[in-house]
PDB file of N, CA and C in Angstrom:
ATOM      1  N   MET A   1      96.198 -16.074 -17.073  1.00  0.00           N
ATOM      2  CA  MET A   1      95.378 -15.632 -15.619  1.00  0.00           C
ATOM      3  C   MET A   1      94.431 -13.535 -16.148  1.00  0.00           C
ATOM      4  N   LEU A   2      95.497 -12.936 -16.026  1.00  0.00           N
ATOM      5  CA  LEU A   2      94.713 -11.304 -16.452  1.00  0.00           C
ATOM      6  C   LEU A   2      93.819 -11.811 -17.138  1.00  0.00           C
ATOM      7  N   ASP A   3      93.703 -12.462 -18.026  1.00  0.00           N
ATOM      8  CA  ASP A   3      92.309 -12.687 -19.446  1.00  0.00           C
ATOM      9  C   ASP A   3      90.961 -13.049 -18.956  1.00  0.00           C
ATOM     10  N   GLY A   4      91.329 -14.301 -17.814  1.00  0.00           N
ATOM     11  CA  GLY A   4      90.625 -14.399 -16.965  1.00  0.00           C
ATOM     12  C   GLY A   4      89.468 -13.834 -16.620  1.00  0.00           C
ATOM     13  N   VAL A   5      90.315 -13.049 -15.656  1.00  0.00           N
ATOM     14  CA  VAL A   5      89.943 -11.750 -14.522  1.00  0.00           C
ATOM     15  C   VAL A   5      88.999 -10.686 -15.484  1.00  0.00           C
ATOM     16  N   LEU A   6      89.635 -10.392 -16.630  1.00  0.00           N
ATOM     17  CA  LEU A   6      89.357  -9.415 -17.133  1.00  0.00           C
ATOM     18  C   LEU A   6      87.884  -9.408 -17.927  1.00  0.00           C
ATOM     19  N   LEU A   7      88.114 -11.098 -18.760  1.00  0.00           N
ATOM     20  CA  LEU A   7      86.896 -12.070 -18.836  1.00  0.00           C
ATOM     21  C   LEU A   7      85.881 -11.805 -18.265  1.00  0.00           C
ATOM     22  N   ARG A   8      85.305 -12.096 -16.900  1.00  0.00           N
ATOM     23  CA  ARG A   8      84.799 -12.203 -15.706  1.00  0.00           C
ATOM     24  C   ARG A   8      84.414 -11.196 -15.715  1.00  0.00           C
ATOM     25  N   THR A   9      85.496 -10.510 -15.538  1.00  0.00           N
ATOM     26  CA  THR A   9      84.181  -8.408 -14.986  1.00  0.00           C
ATOM     27  C   THR A   9      83.908  -8.347 -16.419  1.00  0.00           C
ATOM     28  N   ALA A  10      83.893  -8.454 -17.141  1.00  0.00           N
ATOM     29  CA  ALA A  10      83.413  -8.119 -18.611  1.00  0.00           C
ATOM     30  C   ALA A  10      81.982  -8.540 -18.641  1.00  0.00           C
ATOM     31  N   SER A  11      82.178  -9.260 -18.353  1.00  0.00           N
ATOM     32  CA  SER A  11      81.398 -10.275 -18.468  1.00  0.00           C
ATOM     33  C   SER A  11      79.860  -9.836 -17.211  1.00  0.00           C
ATOM     34  N   VAL A  12      80.493  -9.332 -16.257  1.00  0.00           N
ATOM     35  CA  VAL A  12      79.108  -9.131 -14.681  1.00  0.00           C
ATOM     36  C   VAL A  12      79.087  -8.376 -14.867  1.00  0.00           C
ATOM     37  N   GLU A  13      79.705  -7.033 -16.038  1.00  0.00           N
ATOM     38  CA  GLU A  13      78.747  -5.368 -15.335  1.00  0.00           C
ATOM     39  C   GLU A  13      77.831  -5.259 -16.214  1.00  0.00           C
ATOM     40  N   PRO A  14      77.791  -5.999 -17.293  1.00  0.00           N
ATOM     41  CA  PRO A  14      76.300  -5.742 -18.314  1.00  0.00           C
ATOM     42  C   PRO A  14      74.923  -6.134 -18.213  1.00  0.00           C
ATOM     43  N   ILE A  15      75.382  -7.574 -16.693  1.00  0.00           N
ATOM     44  CA  ILE A  15      74.159  -8.646 -15.935  1.00  0.00           C
ATOM     45  C   ILE A  15      73.853  -7.636 -14.635  1.00  0.00           C
ATOM     46  N   LEU A  16      75.327  -6.302 -13.821  1.00  0.00           N
ATOM     47  CA  LEU A  16      74.477  -5.863 -12.972  1.00  0.00           C
ATOM     48  C   LEU A  16      73.669  -5.031 -13.140  1.00  0.00           C
ATOM     49  N   SER A  17      74.418  -4.361 -13.990  1.00  0.00           N
ATOM     50  CA  SER A  17      73.661  -3.007 -14.957  1.00  0.00           C
ATOM     51  C   SER A  17      72.144  -3.260 -15.066  1.00  0.00           C
ATOM     52  N   SER A  18      71.919  -4.098 -15.797  1.00  0.00           N
ATOM     53  CA  SER A  18      70.307  -4.711 -16.287  1.00  0.00           C
ATOM     54  C   SER A  18      69.484  -5.054 -15.035  1.00  0.00           C
ATOM     55  N   LEU A  19      70.463  -5.692 -14.293  1.00  0.00           N
ATOM     56  CA  LEU A  19      69.793  -5.945 -12.908  1.00  0.00           C
ATOM     57  C   LEU A  19      69.186  -4.745 -12.342  1.00  0.00           C
ATOM     58  N   PHE A  20      70.134  -3.846 -12.520  1.00  0.00           N
ATOM     59  CA  PHE A  20      69.959  -2.460 -11.492  1.00  0.00           C
ATOM     60  C   PHE A  20      68.923  -1.492 -12.583  1.00  0.00           C
ATOM     61  N   VAL A  21      68.649  -1.973 -13.985  1.00  0.00           N
ATOM     62  CA  VAL A  21      67.668  -0.419 -14.395  1.00  0.00           C
ATOM     63  C   VAL A  21      66.110  -1.712 -14.409  1.00  0.00           C
ATOM     64  N   THR A  22      66.425  -3.011 -13.881  1.00  0.00           N
ATOM     65  CA  THR A  22      65.226  -3.727 -13.845  1.00  0.00           C
ATOM     66  C   THR A  22      64.261  -3.385 -12.588  1.00  0.00           C
ATOM     67  N   LEU A  23      65.534  -3.443 -11.676  1.00  0.00           N
ATOM     68  CA  LEU A  23      64.889  -2.999 -10.191  1.00  0.00           C
ATOM     69  C   LEU A  23      64.155  -1.539  -9.910  1.00  0.00           C
ATOM     70  N   ILE A  24      64.766  -0.739 -10.544  1.00  0.00           N
ATOM     71  CA  ILE A  24      64.458   0.891 -10.742  1.00  0.00           C
ATOM     72  C   ILE A  24      63.169   0.988 -11.501  1.00  0.00           C
ATOM     73  N   TYR A  25      63.025   0.268 -12.777  1.00  0.00           N
ATOM     74  CA  TYR A  25      61.319  -0.055 -13.637  1.00  0.00           C
ATOM     75  C   TYR A  25      60.329  -0.951 -12.409  1.00  0.00           C
ATOM     76  N   GLY A  26      61.192  -1.740 -12.454  1.00  0.00           N
ATOM     77  CA  GLY A  26      60.111  -2.676 -11.692  1.00  0.00           C
ATOM     78  C   GLY A  26      59.730  -2.043 -10.019  1.00  0.00           C
ATOM     79  N   PHE A  27      60.494  -1.172  -9.730  1.00  0.00           N
ATOM     80  CA  PHE A  27      59.769  -0.439  -8.414  1.00  0.00           C
ATOM     81  C   PHE A  27      58.683   0.649  -9.281  1.00  0.00           C
ATOM     82  N   ALA A  28      59.423   1.361 -10.018  1.00  0.00           N
ATOM     83  CA  ALA A  28      58.504   2.362 -10.733  1.00  0.00           C
ATOM     84  C   ALA A  28      57.238   1.614 -11.498  1.00  0.00           C
ATOM     85  N   PHE A  29      57.201   0.710 -11.932  1.00  0.00           N
ATOM     86  CA  PHE A  29      55.914   0.128 -12.211  1.00  0.00           C
ATOM     87  C   PHE A  29      54.855  -0.092 -11.251  1.00  0.00           C
ATOM     88  N   TRP A  30      55.999  -0.710  -9.896  1.00  0.00           N
ATOM     89  CA  TRP A  30      54.917  -1.211  -8.953  1.00  0.00           C
ATOM     90  C   TRP A  30      54.401  -0.090  -8.254  1.00  0.00           C
ATOM     91  N   ARG A  31      54.858   1.186  -8.614  1.00  0.00           N
ATOM     92  CA  ARG A  31      54.354   2.464  -7.581  1.00  0.00           C
ATOM     93  C   ARG A  31      53.321   2.993  -8.689  1.00  0.00           C
ATOM     94  N   ILE A  32      52.591   2.916  -9.794  1.00  0.00           N
ATOM     95  CA  ILE A  32      52.645   3.141 -10.631  1.00  0.00           C
ATOM     96  C   ILE A  32      50.423   2.391 -10.336  1.00  0.00           C
ATOM     97  N   VAL A  33      51.082   0.976 -10.424  1.00  0.00           N
ATOM     98  CA  VAL A  33      49.997   0.260 -10.145  1.00  0.00           C
ATOM     99  C   VAL A  33      49.589   0.497  -9.641  1.00  0.00           C
ATOM    100  N   LYS A  34      50.203   0.680  -8.315  1.00  0.00           N
ATOM    101  CA  LYS A  34      49.727   0.564  -6.491  1.00  0.00           C
ATOM    102  C   LYS A  34      49.235   2.153  -6.620  1.00  0.00           C
ATOM    103  N   ALA A  35      49.261   2.733  -7.482  1.00  0.00           N
ATOM    104  CA  ALA A  35      48.339   4.165  -7.085  1.00  0.00           C
ATOM    105  C   ALA A  35      47.651   4.316  -8.041  1.00  0.00           C
ATOM    106  N   ASN A  36      47.221   3.255  -9.076  1.00  0.00           N
ATOM    107  CA  ASN A  36      46.007   3.771 -10.065  1.00  0.00           C
ATOM    108  C   ASN A  36      44.994   1.746  -9.888  1.00  0.00           C
ATOM    109  N   ARG A  37      45.488   1.164  -8.374  1.00  0.00           N
ATOM    110  CA  ARG A  37      44.533  -0.200  -8.401  1.00  0.00           C
ATOM    111  C   ARG A  37      43.533  -0.103  -9.020  1.00  0.00           C
ATOM    112  N   GLY A  38      43.042  -1.011  -9.456  1.00  0.00           N
ATOM    113  CA  GLY A  38      41.236  -1.378 -10.577  1.00  0.00           C
ATOM    114  C   GLY A  38      41.593  -0.784 -11.768  1.00  0.00           C
ATOM    115  N   ASN A  39      42.308   0.179 -12.050  1.00  0.00           N
ATOM    116  CA  ASN A  39      42.558   0.625 -13.024  1.00  0.00           C
ATOM    117  C   ASN A  39      42.917  -0.398 -14.752  1.00  0.00           C
ATOM    118  N   ARG A  40      42.272  -0.905 -15.097  1.00  0.00           N
ATOM    119  CA  ARG A  40      43.003  -1.771 -15.862  1.00  0.00           C
ATOM    120  C   ARG A  40      43.340  -1.121 -17.097  1.00  0.00           C
ATOM    121  N   VAL A  41      43.340   0.365 -17.343  1.00  0.00           N
ATOM    122  CA  VAL A  41      44.265   0.640 -18.522  1.00  0.00           C
ATOM    123  C   VAL A  41      45.050   0.332 -17.955  1.00  0.00           C
ATOM    124  N   ILE A  42      45.936   1.196 -16.579  1.00  0.00           N
ATOM    125  CA  ILE A  42      47.071   1.271 -16.073  1.00  0.00           C
ATOM    126  C   ILE A  42      47.536   0.007 -16.071  1.00  0.00           C
ATOM    127  N   GLU A  43      46.724  -1.240 -15.716  1.00  0.00           N
ATOM    128  CA  GLU A  43      47.180  -2.003 -15.079  1.00  0.00           C
ATOM    129  C   GLU A  43      48.042  -3.069 -16.665  1.00  0.00           C
ATOM    130  N   CYS A  44      46.648  -3.057 -17.099  1.00  0.00           N
ATOM    131  CA  CYS A  44      47.492  -3.260 -18.654  1.00  0.00           C
ATOM    132  C   CYS A  44      48.232  -3.181 -19.900  1.00  0.00           C
ATOM    133  N   GLY A  45      48.875  -1.977 -19.534  1.00  0.00           N
ATOM    134  CA  GLY A  45      49.635  -1.028 -20.001  1.00  0.00           C
ATOM    135  C   GLY A  45      50.803  -1.575 -19.443  1.00  0.00           C
ATOM    136  N   VAL A  46      50.775  -1.596 -17.708  1.00  0.00           N
ATOM    137  CA  VAL A  46      52.313  -1.710 -17.296  1.00  0.00           C
ATOM    138  C   VAL A  46      52.929  -2.628 -17.702  1.00  0.00           C
ATOM    139  N   ILE A  47      51.537  -3.654 -17.923  1.00  0.00           N
ATOM    140  CA  ILE A  47      52.385  -5.650 -18.318  1.00  0.00           C
ATOM    141  C   ILE A  47      52.991  -5.388 -19.913  1.00  0.00           C
ATOM    142  N   ALA A  48      52.109  -4.380 -20.288  1.00  0.00           N
ATOM    143  CA  ALA A  48      52.523  -3.968 -21.979  1.00  0.00           C
ATOM    144  C   ALA A  48      53.912  -3.844 -21.819  1.00  0.00           C
ATOM    145  N   LEU A  49      54.094  -3.212 -20.977  1.00  0.00           N
ATOM    146  CA  LEU A  49      55.602  -2.510 -20.904  1.00  0.00           C
ATOM    147  C   LEU A  49      57.106  -3.204 -20.377  1.00  0.00           C
ATOM    148  N   VAL A  50      56.277  -3.875 -19.035  1.00  0.00           N
ATOM    149  CA  VAL A  50      57.547  -4.565 -18.793  1.00  0.00           C
ATOM    150  C   VAL A  50      57.378  -6.264 -19.941  1.00  0.00           C
ATOM    151  N   VAL A  51      56.363  -6.253 -20.419  1.00  0.00           N
ATOM    152  CA  VAL A  51      56.658  -7.814 -21.836  1.00  0.00           C
ATOM    153  C   VAL A  51      57.498  -7.420 -23.005  1.00  0.00           C
ATOM    154  N   LEU A  52      57.143  -5.549 -23.143  1.00  0.00           N
ATOM    155  CA  LEU A  52      57.689  -5.265 -24.372  1.00  0.00           C
ATOM    156  C   LEU A  52      59.195  -4.482 -23.880  1.00  0.00           C
ATOM    157  N   LEU A  53      59.876  -4.395 -22.552  1.00  0.00           N
ATOM    158  CA  LEU A  53      61.251  -4.295 -22.201  1.00  0.00           C
ATOM    159  C   LEU A  53      61.724  -5.258 -22.004  1.00  0.00           C
ATOM    160  N   SER A  54      60.865  -6.183 -21.854  1.00  0.00           N
ATOM    161  CA  SER A  54      61.838  -7.498 -22.065  1.00  0.00           C
ATOM    162  C   SER A  54      62.582  -8.815 -23.106  1.00  0.00           C
ATOM    163  N   TYR A  55      61.548  -8.096 -24.212  1.00  0.00           N
ATOM    164  CA  TYR A  55      61.678  -8.684 -25.514  1.00  0.00           C
ATOM    165  C   TYR A  55      62.869  -8.188 -26.019  1.00  0.00           C
ATOM    166  N   GLY A  56      63.415  -7.056 -25.474  1.00  0.00           N
ATOM    167  CA  GLY A  56      64.975  -7.128 -26.079  1.00  0.00           C
ATOM    168  C   GLY A  56      66.079  -8.044 -25.267  1.00  0.00           C
ATOM    169  N   PRO A  57      66.168  -8.212 -24.017  1.00  0.00           N
ATOM    170  CA  PRO A  57      66.960  -9.103 -23.518  1.00  0.00           C
ATOM    171  C   PRO A  57      66.608 -10.454 -24.183  1.00  0.00           C
ATOM    172  N   ILE A  58      65.171 -11.019 -24.043  1.00  0.00           N
ATOM    173  CA  ILE A  58      65.361 -12.246 -24.527  1.00  0.00           C
ATOM    174  C   ILE A  58      65.917 -12.990 -25.877  1.00  0.00           C
ATOM    175  N   SER A  59      66.304 -11.566 -26.617  1.00  0.00           N
ATOM    176  CA  SER A  59      66.333 -11.589 -27.937  1.00  0.00           C
ATOM    177  C   SER A  59      67.416 -12.182 -28.123  1.00  0.00           C
ATOM    178  N   LYS A  60      68.604 -11.579 -27.197  1.00  0.00           N
ATOM    179  CA  LYS A  60      69.933 -11.910 -27.778  1.00  0.00           C
ATOM    180  C   LYS A  60      70.324 -13.344 -26.270  1.00  0.00           C
ATOM    181  N   ILE A  61      69.397 -13.522 -26.154  1.00  0.00           N
ATOM    182  CA  ILE A  61      70.044 -15.557 -26.136  1.00  0.00           C
ATOM    183  C   ILE A  61      69.988 -16.617 -26.982  1.00  0.00           C
ATOM    184  N   PRO A  62      71.525 -16.901 -26.336  1.00  0.00           N
ATOM    185  CA  PRO A  62      72.021 -17.912 -27.972  1.00  0.00           C
ATOM    186  C   PRO A  62      71.005 -18.955 -27.954  1.00  0.00           C
ATOM    187  N   ASN A  63      70.861 -19.114 -28.960  1.00  0.00           N
ATOM    188  CA  ASN A  63      70.427 -20.417 -29.775  1.00  0.00           C
ATOM    189  C   ASN A  63      69.125 -20.845 -28.804  1.00  0.00           C
ATOM    190  N   LEU A  64      67.911 -19.808 -29.123  1.00  0.00           N
ATOM    191  CA  LEU A  64      66.477 -19.277 -28.763  1.00  0.00           C
ATOM    192  C   LEU A  64      65.764 -19.513 -29.524  1.00  0.00           C
ATOM    193  N   PRO A  65      64.876 -21.241 -29.158  1.00  0.00           N
ATOM    194  CA  PRO A  65      63.922 -21.134 -30.500  1.00  0.00           C
ATOM    195  C   PRO A  65      62.888 -19.873 -31.436  1.00  0.00           C
ATOM    196  N   ASP A  66      63.163 -20.244 -32.108  1.00  0.00           N
ATOM    197  CA  ASP A  66      61.725 -19.087 -32.618  1.00  0.00           C
ATOM    198  C   ASP A  66      60.851 -19.307 -32.126  1.00  0.00           C
ATOM    199  N   TRP A  67      59.803 -19.730 -31.670  1.00  0.00           N
ATOM    200  CA  TRP A  67      59.020 -19.968 -31.391  1.00  0.00           C
ATOM    201  C   TRP A  67      59.030 -19.326 -29.703  1.00  0.00           C
ATOM    202  N   VAL A  68      59.835 -18.751 -29.294  1.00  0.00           N
ATOM    203  CA  VAL A  68      59.881 -17.963 -28.249  1.00  0.00           C
ATOM    204  C   VAL A  68      59.553 -16.540 -28.204  1.00  0.00           C
ATOM    205  N   LEU A  69      60.506 -16.284 -29.014  1.00  0.00           N
ATOM    206  CA  LEU A  69      60.332 -15.236 -29.389  1.00  0.00           C
ATOM    207  C   LEU A  69      59.055 -14.416 -29.927  1.00  0.00           C
ATOM    208  N   THR A  70      58.246 -15.684 -31.013  1.00  0.00           N
ATOM    209  CA  THR A  70      57.144 -15.101 -31.645  1.00  0.00           C
ATOM    210  C   THR A  70      55.394 -14.966 -30.731  1.00  0.00           C
ATOM    211  N   THR A  71      56.379 -16.020 -29.520  1.00  0.00           N
ATOM    212  CA  THR A  71      54.871 -15.921 -28.772  1.00  0.00           C
ATOM    213  C   THR A  71      54.987 -14.712 -27.897  1.00  0.00           C
ATOM    214  N   VAL A  72      56.018 -14.241 -27.701  1.00  0.00           N
ATOM    215  CA  VAL A  72      56.750 -13.076 -26.794  1.00  0.00           C
ATOM    216  C   VAL A  72      55.470 -12.052 -27.298  1.00  0.00           C
ATOM    217  N   GLY A  73      55.867 -11.812 -28.769  1.00  0.00           N
ATOM    218  CA  GLY A  73      55.386 -10.984 -29.881  1.00  0.00           C
ATOM    219  C   GLY A  73      54.166 -11.203 -29.841  1.00  0.00           C
ATOM    220  N   LEU A  74      53.732 -12.210 -29.389  1.00  0.00           N
ATOM    221  CA  LEU A  74      52.236 -11.927 -29.957  1.00  0.00           C
ATOM    222  C   LEU A  74      51.796 -11.503 -28.923  1.00  0.00           C
ATOM    223  N   LEU A  75      51.962 -11.699 -27.396  1.00  0.00           N
ATOM    224  CA  LEU A  75      51.522 -11.591 -25.902  1.00  0.00           C
ATOM    225  C   LEU A  75      51.578 -10.265 -26.068  1.00  0.00           C
ATOM    226  N   MET A  76      52.972  -9.373 -26.323  1.00  0.00           N
ATOM    227  CA  MET A  76      52.861  -7.892 -26.265  1.00  0.00           C
ATOM    228  C   MET A  76      51.153  -7.248 -27.463  1.00  0.00           C
ATOM    229  N   PHE A  77      51.412  -8.174 -28.681  1.00  0.00           N
ATOM    230  CA  PHE A  77      50.431  -7.120 -29.252  1.00  0.00           C
ATOM    231  C   PHE A  77      49.444  -7.481 -28.598  1.00  0.00           C
ATOM    232  N   LEU A  78      49.293  -8.217 -28.366  1.00  0.00           N
ATOM    233  CA  LEU A  78      47.571  -9.339 -27.253  1.00  0.00           C
ATOM    234  C   LEU A  78      47.536  -8.514 -25.984  1.00  0.00           C
ATOM    235  N   LEU A  79      48.420  -7.773 -25.335  1.00  0.00           N
ATOM    236  CA  LEU A  79      48.263  -6.752 -24.050  1.00  0.00           C
ATOM    237  C   LEU A  79      48.137  -5.339 -25.264  1.00  0.00           C
ATOM    238  N   CYS A  80      48.476  -4.882 -25.586  1.00  0.00           N
ATOM    239  CA  CYS A  80      48.370  -3.817 -26.465  1.00  0.00           C
ATOM    240  C   CYS A  80      47.063  -3.540 -26.789  1.00  0.00           C
ATOM    241  N   LEU A  81      46.456  -4.298 -27.334  1.00  0.00           N
ATOM    242  CA  LEU A  81      45.490  -4.949 -28.002  1.00  0.00           C
ATOM    243  C   LEU A  81      43.970  -4.672 -26.200  1.00  0.00           C
ATOM    244  N   VAL A  82      44.125  -5.488 -25.691  1.00  0.00           N
ATOM    245  CA  VAL A  82      43.760  -5.378 -24.563  1.00  0.00           C
ATOM    246  C   VAL A  82      43.399  -3.906 -24.049  1.00  0.00           C
ATOM    247  N   THR A  83      44.919  -3.774 -23.561  1.00  0.00           N
ATOM    248  CA  THR A  83      44.780  -1.988 -23.470  1.00  0.00           C
ATOM    249  C   THR A  83      43.923  -0.692 -23.823  1.00  0.00           C
ATOM    250  N   MET A  84      44.208  -0.637 -24.972  1.00  0.00           N
ATOM    251  CA  MET A  84      43.359  -0.025 -26.508  1.00  0.00           C
ATOM    252  C   MET A  84      42.105  -0.257 -25.796  1.00  0.00           C
ATOM    253  N   PHE A  85      41.083  -1.795 -25.506  1.00  0.00           N
ATOM    254  CA  PHE A  85      40.026  -2.066 -25.683  1.00  0.00           C
ATOM    255  C   PHE A  85      39.816  -1.432 -24.193  1.00  0.00           C
ATOM    256  N   PHE A  86      40.647  -1.638 -23.011  1.00  0.00           N
ATOM    257  CA  PHE A  86      40.193  -1.010 -21.811  1.00  0.00           C
ATOM    258  C   PHE A  86      40.044   0.655 -21.715  1.00  0.00           C
ATOM    259  N   PHE A  87      40.836   1.129 -23.019  1.00  0.00           N
ATOM    260  CA  PHE A  87      40.848   1.925 -22.876  1.00  0.00           C
ATOM    261  C   PHE A  87      39.422   3.345 -23.544  1.00  0.00           C
ATOM    262  N   PHE A  88      38.947   2.637 -24.908  1.00  0.00           N
ATOM    263  CA  PHE A  88      37.573   3.069 -25.362  1.00  0.00           C
ATOM    264  C   PHE A  88      36.282   2.314 -24.340  1.00  0.00           C
ATOM    265  N   CYS A  89      36.482   1.246 -23.748  1.00  0.00           N
ATOM    266  CA  CYS A  89      35.819   1.578 -23.097  1.00  0.00           C
ATOM    267  C   CYS A  89      35.362   3.097 -22.151  1.00  0.00           C
ATOM    268  N   ARG A  90      36.593   2.757 -21.028  1.00  0.00           N
ATOM    269  CA  ARG A  90      36.385   3.704 -20.395  1.00  0.00           C
ATOM    270  C   ARG A  90      36.221   5.074 -20.781  1.00  0.00           C
ATOM    271  N   GLU A  91      36.605   5.275 -21.801  1.00  0.00           N
ATOM    272  CA  GLU A  91      36.395   7.165 -22.576  1.00  0.00           C
ATOM    273  C   GLU A  91      35.260   6.845 -23.392  1.00  0.00           C
ATOM    274  N   PHE A  92      34.158   6.007 -23.820  1.00  0.00           N
ATOM    275  CA  PHE A  92      33.603   6.378 -25.128  1.00  0.00           C
ATOM    276  C   PHE A  92      32.446   5.526 -24.277  1.00  0.00           C
ATOM    277  N   LYS A  93      32.295   5.684 -22.982  1.00  0.00           N
ATOM    278  CA  LYS A  93      30.869   4.987 -22.061  1.00  0.00           C
ATOM    279  C   LYS A  93      29.968   5.564 -22.727  1.00  0.00           C
ATOM    280  N   LEU A  94      29.169   4.623 -23.021  1.00  0.00           N
ATOM    281  CA  LEU A  94      27.523   4.869 -24.229  1.00  0.00           C
ATOM    282  C   LEU A  94      26.626   5.365 -22.522  1.00  0.00           C
ATOM    283  N   PRO A  95      25.691   6.248 -22.872  1.00  0.00           N
ATOM    284  CA  PRO A  95      25.073   6.424 -21.970  1.00  0.00           C
ATOM    285  C   PRO A  95      23.567   5.266 -22.025  1.00  0.00           C
ATOM    286  N   LYS A  96      23.596   4.784 -20.695  1.00  0.00           N
ATOM    287  CA  LYS A  96      22.401   3.945 -20.543  1.00  0.00           C
ATOM    288  C   LYS A  96      20.934   3.874 -21.445  1.00  0.00           C
ATOM    289  N   SER A  97      20.219   3.830 -21.892  1.00  0.00           N
ATOM    290  CA  SER A  97      19.060   3.762 -22.150  1.00  0.00           C
ATOM    291  C   SER A  97      18.216   4.064 -21.279  1.00  0.00           C
ATOM    292  N   LYS A  98      17.006   4.573 -20.771  1.00  0.00           N
ATOM    293  CA  LYS A  98      15.728   4.456 -20.037  1.00  0.00           C
ATOM    294  C   LYS A  98      15.608   3.008 -19.765  1.00  0.00           C
ATOM    295  N   ASN A  99      15.204   1.951 -20.552  1.00  0.00           N
ATOM    296  CA  ASN A  99      14.774   0.717 -20.427  1.00  0.00           C
ATOM    297  C   ASN A  99      15.452  -0.168 -19.088  1.00  0.00           C
ATOM    298  N   GLU A 100      17.593   0.382 -19.658  1.00  0.00           N
ATOM    299  CA  GLU A 100      17.863  -0.879 -18.947  1.00  0.00           C
ATOM    300  C   GLU A 100      18.059   0.403 -17.855  1.00  0.00           C
ATOM    301  N   ALA A 101      17.863   1.180 -17.458  1.00  0.00           N
ATOM    302  CA  ALA A 101      18.255   1.868 -16.070  1.00  0.00           C
ATOM    303  C   ALA A 101      16.813   1.581 -15.068  1.00  0.00           C
ATOM    304  N   ASP A 102      16.103   1.101 -16.077  1.00  0.00           N
ATOM    305  CA  ASP A 102      14.268   0.897 -15.005  1.00  0.00           C
ATOM    306  C   ASP A 102      14.960  -0.552 -15.094  1.00  0.00           C
ATOM    307  N   SER A 103      15.519  -1.154 -15.793  1.00  0.00           N
ATOM    308  CA  SER A 103      15.252  -3.397 -15.343  1.00  0.00           C
ATOM    309  C   SER A 103      16.007  -3.057 -14.232  1.00  0.00           C
ATOM    310  N   THR A 104      17.042  -2.238 -13.717  1.00  0.00           N
ATOM    311  CA  THR A 104      18.194  -2.395 -12.537  1.00  0.00           C
ATOM    312  C   THR A 104      18.080  -2.242 -11.638  1.00  0.00           C
TER     313      THR A 104
END
């Protein structure tokens, strides 16, 4: 009887701590995105961080098909590329030529 109580307590503690950490990170990321609305670098970067942080717990799920981890890894890689693309577009804006500026 005592072993069953200890087993339930041991399995609930990691779930509650993971939920608490997820809520804290979620609140922090929500505040960052809300403060920088319209900034695609921040928005894509936060989504990439969320995917990165979720990769660890997802990888610990038993009997998970290999294609799920591969897909999450590919999503993380693509989000990092999109974030870098938006960063470089923002930082290295080329000045418009006079012909383009006159036609608009």
